[in-house]
Amino acid sequence: MPDPKTVDLFVEDLAHEAFLAPLIERVAAESDTEVAVRVRSARGGHGRVLDELRRYQERVEQGFVGLTVPDVLVVAIDTNCRRYAEARKAVASTLRGSFLEKSAIACPDPHVERWYMADPPSFRGVVGAAPKPGKRKCDRALYKDRLARTLAEGGHPTLLGGLEFARDIVRTMDLYRAGKNEKSLKHFLDDVRKAIRRA
């Protein structure tokens, strides 16, 4: 059996990591590909992610010990109320040469918590209550609150704000329906499928 494809994941926080790592694994499995996701950044907001991404690319190119060129590079930042195209461009302009060719960019619009709630029927199956993401607004606290409220309605304590359910939500999610509900998620799914096929 071939070695798993390596996927280096740059994210701005644990909510991204908890959702995207199992999503990448699921998309790869659906393409009959095994992957090993290596988290390279998981804190500090999108500015820090982009700074660390620049340094990482330089170090990989310089051959630093312990850093190897991944088969796929996934970078995730929330749009944070910018337009999707602007957020995506901010990431793409940070990528160099061969890294750009093997990348998949995730820009949840406006925040990743909407992706958790992108498929209400399967979310209900996991949590016991259906989320109501509502109209798109810039307020991140709004989506964290809606996610926490839905967990409470399902009878769960909100110890980790929904992160503890991320793997199960991703596993049961109807990706087609979720992508229809959240266009930024559909863009990422298309991107990561292509990147995995190219790897």
Foldseek 3Di string as FASTA:
>chain_A
DDDAFEEEEQEAALLCVLQVVLLLQVLQVVVVGGYDYDYDYHHDADVVSLVVLLVLVVCQVVPPPPRHDGLAYEYEHELLPPDPVVVVVVNLVSDDDPNNVLYFYAYFVHDCLCLLLLAQVQNCVQQVFGFDCDDRDNDPVSSLVSQCVRNVVSVHHCPPSCSVCNNSSSVRDPQVSSCVSTVSSVSRSVRSSVSSVSD
